[in-house]
Amino acid sequence: MNTPLENNPLRIVFMGTPDFAVASLKAIVESGFDVVGVITAPDRPAGRGRKVQESAVKQFAVQHHLKVLQPTNLKDEAFLEELRSLKANLQVVVAFRMLPKVVWQMPEHGTFNLHASLLPQYRGAAPINWAIINGETETGVTTFFIDEKIDTGGIILQKIEKITQEDNVGTLHDRLMKLGGELVVETCNQIASGKVASTPQKHFDDLKPAPKIHKDTCKIDWNKSLDAIHNHIRGLSPYPGAWAFLVNHGDKDPIKIYATHKEPAQHNDEIGKLIADKKTLKVGVADGYLHLLEIQLPGKRKMETKAVLNGLDLDKNAHLC
């Protein structure tokens, strides 16, 4: 990686919360930039025990003796005063919340964001999920200067990443996380050199959004095509997980499906019908069968389907809906 230029040292405030952001913060630190502060989400109780958990970014920052701020209100005057006192001349944002203008306008060199898509496509909270759900064959990462709207600012740099048929959101997330860290450092180097340039985002009539994923988003529509259902499942695996209702022996219970294999075929089975033998479980859809490879039954852990079949009693009318 390049090192920052001596004649124009950057003083960086980094803003982020989840694991995805840690890779960028780590890359900045390892490249020798001066990180004068880290802004992350407040500690929150999580899990069944409601144990207070620190964000992944906070954990990294504490380990590396970086100053951490955890405001609940980004417009609070006490926070703004503390932010000003850091005398940052650049702010870098990765997987954080929307910033008020008073924050993103504060540093001399502006505030740039890393987004996990090739903007302007897939603006929004879940770009990695939606790229796979929509069957894209490539995506990427973008750095851009923040403006008053969400993910609309001038583009600084982009890198393309292929999406393979074997990818799910987990594998793609990890590759984009690493690629994003590299792009953030390249962007910092450009800004430090005084040679940074940004390009306004182009307008397209067919822009694809990437809204937040909700439970209803994860429900499988078995009337869609084999490809669409397969992409929907891998675009939500391993988290939060696509789901459907299993109707069996008069009960209707939700199950999660994490991995599938496509079998294009013509058949006369009803859509949603489950067909099982000792090793395989498949469901009929309009243009074939979807083999269920990894599922999670209610109250159970995620398992390979062939292991689940040992104790699964399906009646002749069992189906998914």
Protein backbone atom coordinates (compact mmCIF):
# COMPACT_ATOMS: atom_id res chain seq x y z
CA MET A 1 0.00 0.00 0.00
CA ASN A 2 1.11 3.56 -0.59
CA THR A 3 1.98 5.83 2.32
CA PRO A 4 0.52 9.30 2.80
CA LEU A 5 2.52 12.24 1.49
CA GLU A 6 4.61 13.99 4.12
CA ASN A 7 3.80 17.52 2.92
CA ASN A 8 0.05 17.16 3.39
CA PRO A 9 -0.65 14.97 6.43
CA LEU A 10 -4.23 13.89 6.91
CA ARG A 11 -5.94 13.88 10.28
CA ILE A 12 -8.74 11.37 9.85
CA VAL A 13 -11.90 10.75 11.81
CA PHE A 14 -13.33 7.33 10.93
CA MET A 15 -17.04 6.51 11.28
CA GLY A 16 -18.39 2.96 11.16
CA THR A 17 -19.94 0.17 13.18
CA PRO A 18 -19.96 -3.46 11.84
CA ASP A 19 -17.26 -5.92 10.74
CA PHE A 20 -17.47 -4.61 7.17
CA ALA A 21 -16.12 -1.26 8.40
CA VAL A 22 -13.26 -2.78 10.41
CA ALA A 23 -11.36 -3.82 7.28
CA SER A 24 -11.27 -0.20 6.08
CA LEU A 25 -10.22 1.18 9.47
CA LYS A 26 -7.51 -1.48 9.70
CA ALA A 27 -6.24 -0.62 6.20
CA ILE A 28 -6.10 3.09 7.09
CA VAL A 29 -4.18 2.43 10.30
CA GLU A 30 -1.74 0.00 8.64
CA SER A 31 -1.08 2.52 5.87
CA GLY A 32 0.28 4.99 8.41
CA PHE A 33 -2.47 7.58 8.35
CA ASP A 34 -3.18 9.52 11.52
CA VAL A 35 -6.58 8.45 12.85
CA VAL A 36 -7.46 11.08 15.45
CA GLY A 37 -10.86 9.68 16.34
CA VAL A 38 -13.33 6.88 15.71
CA ILE A 39 -17.10 7.42 15.80
CA THR A 40 -19.25 4.33 16.27
CA ALA A 41 -22.63 3.24 17.61
CA PRO A 42 -23.33 3.23 21.35
CA ASP A 43 -22.94 -0.08 23.18
CA ARG A 44 -26.19 -2.02 23.13
CA PRO A 45 -27.62 -5.13 24.86
CA ALA A 46 -27.91 -8.06 22.47
CA GLY A 47 -28.71 -11.76 22.47
CA ARG A 48 -30.85 -13.77 24.85
CA GLY A 49 -28.85 -12.66 27.88
CA ARG A 50 -29.11 -9.01 26.83
CA LYS A 51 -25.39 -8.66 27.48
CA VAL A 52 -24.02 -5.26 26.49
CA GLN A 53 -22.00 -5.56 23.30
CA GLU A 54 -19.49 -3.18 21.75
CA SER A 55 -19.47 -2.66 17.98
CA ALA A 56 -16.79 -4.42 15.94
CA VAL A 57 -15.30 -1.02 15.09
CA LYS A 58 -15.10 -0.02 18.76
CA GLN A 59 -13.37 -3.28 19.65
CA PHE A 60 -10.73 -2.69 16.97
CA ALA A 61 -10.29 0.96 17.94
CA VAL A 62 -9.80 0.14 21.63
CA GLN A 63 -7.26 -2.56 20.78
CA HIS A 64 -5.29 -0.01 18.79
CA HIS A 65 -5.59 2.77 21.39
CA LEU A 66 -7.68 5.06 19.17
CA LYS A 67 -9.98 7.71 20.66
CA VAL A 68 -13.60 6.53 20.49
CA LEU A 69 -16.78 8.62 20.52
CA GLN A 70 -20.23 6.99 20.72
CA PRO A 71 -22.87 9.71 20.29
CA THR A 72 -26.56 8.92 20.42
CA ASN A 73 -27.39 12.21 18.69
CA LEU A 74 -25.09 13.44 15.93
CA LYS A 75 -26.52 16.95 16.23
CA ASP A 76 -25.84 17.22 19.97
CA GLU A 77 -23.72 20.31 20.59
CA ALA A 78 -21.48 18.57 23.12
CA PHE A 79 -20.63 15.89 20.54
CA LEU A 80 -20.08 18.47 17.80
CA GLU A 81 -17.71 20.41 20.03
CA GLU A 82 -15.72 17.26 20.82
CA LEU A 83 -15.62 16.39 17.11
CA ARG A 84 -14.30 19.86 16.26
CA SER A 85 -11.65 19.53 18.96
CA LEU A 86 -10.13 16.57 17.11
CA LYS A 87 -9.15 18.99 14.30
CA ALA A 88 -9.68 16.36 11.60
CA ASN A 89 -9.28 17.49 8.01
CA LEU A 90 -10.92 14.36 6.53
CA GLN A 91 -13.74 12.07 7.61
CA VAL A 92 -14.14 8.52 6.29
CA VAL A 93 -17.50 6.76 6.63
CA VAL A 94 -18.08 3.01 6.19
CA ALA A 95 -21.38 1.33 7.17
CA PHE A 96 -22.59 4.09 9.48
CA ARG A 97 -25.78 6.09 9.77
CA MET A 98 -26.79 9.16 7.77
CA LEU A 99 -24.80 12.23 8.82
CA PRO A 100 -26.24 15.72 9.36
CA LYS A 101 -24.78 18.45 7.19
CA VAL A 102 -23.02 20.09 10.14
CA VAL A 103 -20.94 16.89 10.51
CA TRP A 104 -20.10 16.00 6.92
CA GLN A 105 -19.22 19.59 6.02
CA MET A 106 -16.89 20.02 8.98
CA PRO A 107 -13.44 18.86 7.70
CA GLU A 108 -11.33 20.79 5.19
CA HIS A 109 -11.04 17.86 2.76
CA GLY A 110 -14.66 16.78 3.15
CA THR A 111 -16.21 13.46 4.11
CA PHE A 112 -16.22 10.42 1.87
CA ASN A 113 -18.17 7.19 2.13
CA LEU A 114 -17.45 3.63 1.01
CA HIS A 115 -20.48 1.91 -0.53
CA ALA A 116 -20.66 -1.78 -1.47
CA SER A 117 -22.00 -1.37 -5.01
CA LEU A 118 -21.15 0.29 -8.29
CA LEU A 119 -23.05 3.51 -7.74
CA PRO A 120 -25.47 4.81 -8.81
CA GLN A 121 -26.84 1.25 -8.83
CA TYR A 122 -27.95 -0.24 -5.52
CA ARG A 123 -28.15 2.84 -3.36
CA GLY A 124 -29.42 1.95 0.09
CA ALA A 125 -28.82 -0.19 3.14
CA ALA A 126 -28.40 -3.68 1.64
CA PRO A 127 -26.52 -3.49 -1.69
CA ILE A 128 -24.73 -6.84 -1.35
CA ASN A 129 -27.96 -8.75 -0.70
CA TRP A 130 -29.87 -7.15 -3.55
CA ALA A 131 -27.11 -7.64 -6.12
CA ILE A 132 -27.30 -11.41 -5.56
CA ILE A 133 -31.10 -11.50 -5.19
CA ASN A 134 -31.38 -9.79 -8.58
CA GLY A 135 -28.98 -12.26 -10.22
CA GLU A 136 -26.20 -9.77 -11.02
CA THR A 137 -22.91 -11.19 -12.31
CA GLU A 138 -20.80 -8.29 -11.07
CA THR A 139 -20.86 -5.59 -8.42
CA GLY A 140 -18.13 -3.64 -6.67
CA VAL A 141 -17.24 -0.87 -4.24
CA THR A 142 -17.41 2.90 -4.63
CA THR A 143 -15.97 5.83 -2.70
CA PHE A 144 -17.86 9.11 -3.01
CA PHE A 145 -18.09 12.47 -1.28
CA ILE A 146 -21.15 12.71 0.95
CA ASP A 147 -23.82 15.25 0.10
CA GLU A 148 -27.32 15.97 1.41
CA LYS A 149 -28.99 12.87 -0.07
CA ILE A 150 -28.29 9.15 0.47
CA ASP A 151 -25.52 7.65 -1.71
CA THR A 152 -25.76 10.37 -4.37
CA GLY A 153 -22.49 12.31 -4.02
CA GLY A 154 -19.68 12.67 -6.53
CA ILE A 155 -17.85 9.39 -7.24
CA ILE A 156 -14.13 9.31 -6.45
CA LEU A 157 -13.07 5.72 -7.22
CA GLN A 158 -14.65 2.35 -8.04
CA LYS A 159 -13.49 -1.25 -8.18
CA ILE A 160 -15.41 -4.10 -9.86
CA GLU A 161 -15.91 -7.55 -8.30
CA LYS A 162 -17.38 -10.57 -10.11
CA ILE A 163 -20.28 -12.48 -8.57
CA THR A 164 -19.97 -16.23 -9.10
CA GLN A 165 -22.77 -18.80 -9.17
CA GLU A 166 -21.34 -20.23 -5.95
CA ASP A 167 -21.48 -16.93 -4.06
CA ASN A 168 -23.89 -16.15 -1.29
CA VAL A 169 -24.10 -12.84 0.54
CA GLY A 170 -21.56 -14.04 3.09
CA THR A 171 -18.79 -14.88 0.63
CA LEU A 172 -19.39 -11.74 -1.44
CA HIS A 173 -19.51 -9.57 1.69
CA ASP A 174 -16.06 -10.78 2.73
CA ARG A 175 -14.47 -10.09 -0.67
CA LEU A 176 -16.05 -6.63 -0.92
CA MET A 177 -14.94 -5.87 2.64
CA LYS A 178 -11.30 -6.50 1.69
CA LEU A 179 -11.64 -4.69 -1.65
CA GLY A 180 -13.29 -1.77 0.12
CA GLY A 181 -10.37 -1.40 2.51
CA GLU A 182 -7.99 -1.16 -0.45
CA LEU A 183 -10.19 1.42 -2.17
CA VAL A 184 -10.47 3.55 0.99
CA VAL A 185 -6.68 3.74 1.24
CA GLU A 186 -6.36 4.63 -2.47
CA THR A 187 -8.92 7.38 -1.92
CA CYS A 188 -7.07 8.73 1.12
CA ASN A 189 -3.84 8.75 -0.87
CA GLN A 190 -5.48 10.76 -3.66
CA ILE A 191 -6.84 13.27 -1.17
CA ALA A 192 -3.46 13.53 0.59
CA SER A 193 -1.74 14.19 -2.74
CA GLY A 194 -4.11 17.02 -3.58
CA LYS A 195 -5.03 15.31 -6.85
CA VAL A 196 -8.43 13.94 -5.92
CA ALA A 197 -11.27 14.40 -8.40
CA SER A 198 -14.90 13.36 -8.22
CA THR A 199 -17.45 12.72 -10.95
CA PRO A 200 -21.18 13.43 -10.61
CA GLN A 201 -23.29 10.28 -10.61
CA LYS A 202 -25.06 9.60 -13.88
CA HIS A 203 -28.83 9.31 -14.04
CA PHE A 204 -30.36 6.08 -15.33
CA ASP A 205 -34.03 5.29 -15.78
CA ASP A 206 -33.50 1.70 -14.59
CA LEU A 207 -31.76 2.32 -11.27
CA LYS A 208 -32.04 -0.64 -8.91
CA PRO A 209 -32.50 0.23 -5.22
CA ALA A 210 -31.10 -1.65 -2.21
CA PRO A 211 -33.56 -1.01 0.63
CA LYS A 212 -33.22 -2.46 4.10
CA ILE A 213 -34.03 -6.15 4.39
CA HIS A 214 -37.15 -6.93 6.45
CA LYS A 215 -38.76 -10.23 7.46
CA ASP A 216 -41.30 -9.93 4.65
CA THR A 217 -38.43 -9.46 2.17
CA CYS A 218 -37.05 -12.84 3.23
CA LYS A 219 -40.29 -14.79 2.59
CA ILE A 220 -39.89 -17.07 -0.43
CA ASP A 221 -42.40 -16.77 -3.28
CA TRP A 222 -42.55 -20.29 -4.73
CA ASN A 223 -44.41 -19.02 -7.81
CA LYS A 224 -41.24 -17.34 -9.09
CA SER A 225 -38.78 -18.99 -11.44
CA LEU A 226 -36.16 -21.54 -10.37
CA ASP A 227 -33.37 -18.99 -10.89
CA ALA A 228 -35.19 -16.22 -9.00
CA ILE A 229 -35.89 -18.41 -5.95
CA HIS A 230 -32.33 -19.77 -5.89
CA ASN A 231 -30.90 -16.23 -6.08
CA HIS A 232 -33.29 -15.03 -3.40
CA ILE A 233 -32.07 -17.72 -1.01
CA ARG A 234 -28.34 -17.20 -1.62
CA GLY A 235 -28.82 -13.42 -1.45
CA LEU A 236 -30.05 -13.84 2.15
CA SER A 237 -27.58 -16.51 3.28
CA PRO A 238 -26.17 -16.80 5.87
CA TYR A 239 -27.98 -13.77 7.26
CA PRO A 240 -30.81 -13.02 7.78
CA GLY A 241 -31.97 -16.18 5.97
CA ALA A 242 -34.79 -16.82 3.48
CA TRP A 243 -37.81 -18.56 4.95
CA ALA A 244 -41.04 -20.35 4.09
CA PHE A 245 -43.82 -22.22 5.86
CA LEU A 246 -43.59 -26.01 6.04
CA VAL A 247 -47.06 -27.57 5.96
CA ASN A 248 -46.84 -31.12 7.28
CA HIS A 249 -49.20 -33.39 9.26
CA GLY A 250 -51.62 -30.51 9.70
CA ASP A 251 -49.01 -28.17 11.16
CA LYS A 252 -47.67 -24.99 9.56
CA ASP A 253 -44.24 -24.00 10.82
CA PRO A 254 -41.62 -21.54 9.51
CA ILE A 255 -38.31 -22.96 8.29
CA LYS A 256 -35.20 -21.20 7.01
CA ILE A 257 -33.38 -22.25 3.85
CA TYR A 258 -29.71 -21.36 3.39
CA ALA A 259 -28.43 -23.33 0.40
CA THR A 260 -30.02 -24.87 -2.68
CA HIS A 261 -29.20 -26.59 -5.95
CA LYS A 262 -31.16 -26.03 -9.16
CA GLU A 263 -32.63 -28.84 -11.27
CA PRO A 264 -34.35 -27.44 -14.38
CA ALA A 265 -37.12 -29.82 -15.44
CA GLN A 266 -40.62 -30.16 -16.81
CA HIS A 267 -42.97 -31.83 -14.35
CA ASN A 268 -46.56 -32.12 -13.23
CA ASP A 269 -46.00 -31.69 -9.49
CA GLU A 270 -47.74 -28.88 -7.68
CA ILE A 271 -45.71 -25.77 -6.90
CA GLY A 272 -44.29 -26.08 -3.40
CA LYS A 273 -44.65 -29.88 -3.20
CA LEU A 274 -41.89 -31.57 -1.21
CA ILE A 275 -40.31 -34.74 -2.56
CA ALA A 276 -37.88 -36.65 -0.35
CA ASP A 277 -35.80 -39.80 -0.23
CA LYS A 278 -33.12 -40.85 2.26
CA LYS A 279 -30.56 -38.34 0.98
CA THR A 280 -32.36 -35.54 -0.88
CA LEU A 281 -35.21 -33.13 -0.35
CA LYS A 282 -36.51 -31.06 -3.22
CA VAL A 283 -39.41 -28.71 -3.83
CA GLY A 284 -41.34 -28.31 -7.05
CA VAL A 285 -41.39 -24.90 -8.75
CA ALA A 286 -42.71 -23.75 -12.10
CA ASP A 287 -39.68 -24.67 -14.20
CA GLY A 288 -38.00 -27.41 -12.20
CA TYR A 289 -37.00 -28.54 -8.74
CA LEU A 290 -35.00 -26.78 -6.07
CA HIS A 291 -32.93 -29.18 -3.98
CA LEU A 292 -32.70 -28.01 -0.37
CA LEU A 293 -29.12 -28.46 0.85
CA GLU A 294 -29.07 -26.60 4.16
CA ILE A 295 -32.12 -25.77 6.27
CA GLN A 296 -33.15 -24.85 9.80
CA LEU A 297 -36.30 -26.30 11.35
CA PRO A 298 -38.13 -24.49 14.20
CA GLY A 299 -36.16 -24.69 17.44
CA LYS A 300 -33.26 -26.44 15.72
CA ARG A 301 -29.85 -25.36 14.52
CA LYS A 302 -28.90 -24.96 10.87
CA MET A 303 -28.10 -28.37 9.36
CA GLU A 304 -27.36 -30.07 6.07
CA THR A 305 -30.63 -31.45 4.74
CA LYS A 306 -29.37 -35.04 4.47
CA ALA A 307 -28.87 -35.00 8.26
CA VAL A 308 -32.31 -33.50 8.84
CA LEU A 309 -33.96 -36.22 6.75
CA ASN A 310 -32.99 -38.89 9.28
CA GLY A 311 -35.62 -37.57 11.69
CA LEU A 312 -38.05 -35.79 9.36
CA ASP A 313 -41.40 -37.49 8.81
CA LEU A 314 -43.16 -35.97 5.79
CA ASP A 315 -46.70 -36.85 4.87
CA LYS A 316 -47.66 -37.31 1.22
CA ASN A 317 -49.10 -33.78 1.02
CA ALA A 318 -46.17 -32.01 2.68
CA HIS A 319 -45.35 -28.75 0.96
CA LEU A 320 -43.77 -25.32 1.34
CA CYS A 321 -45.74 -22.13 1.00
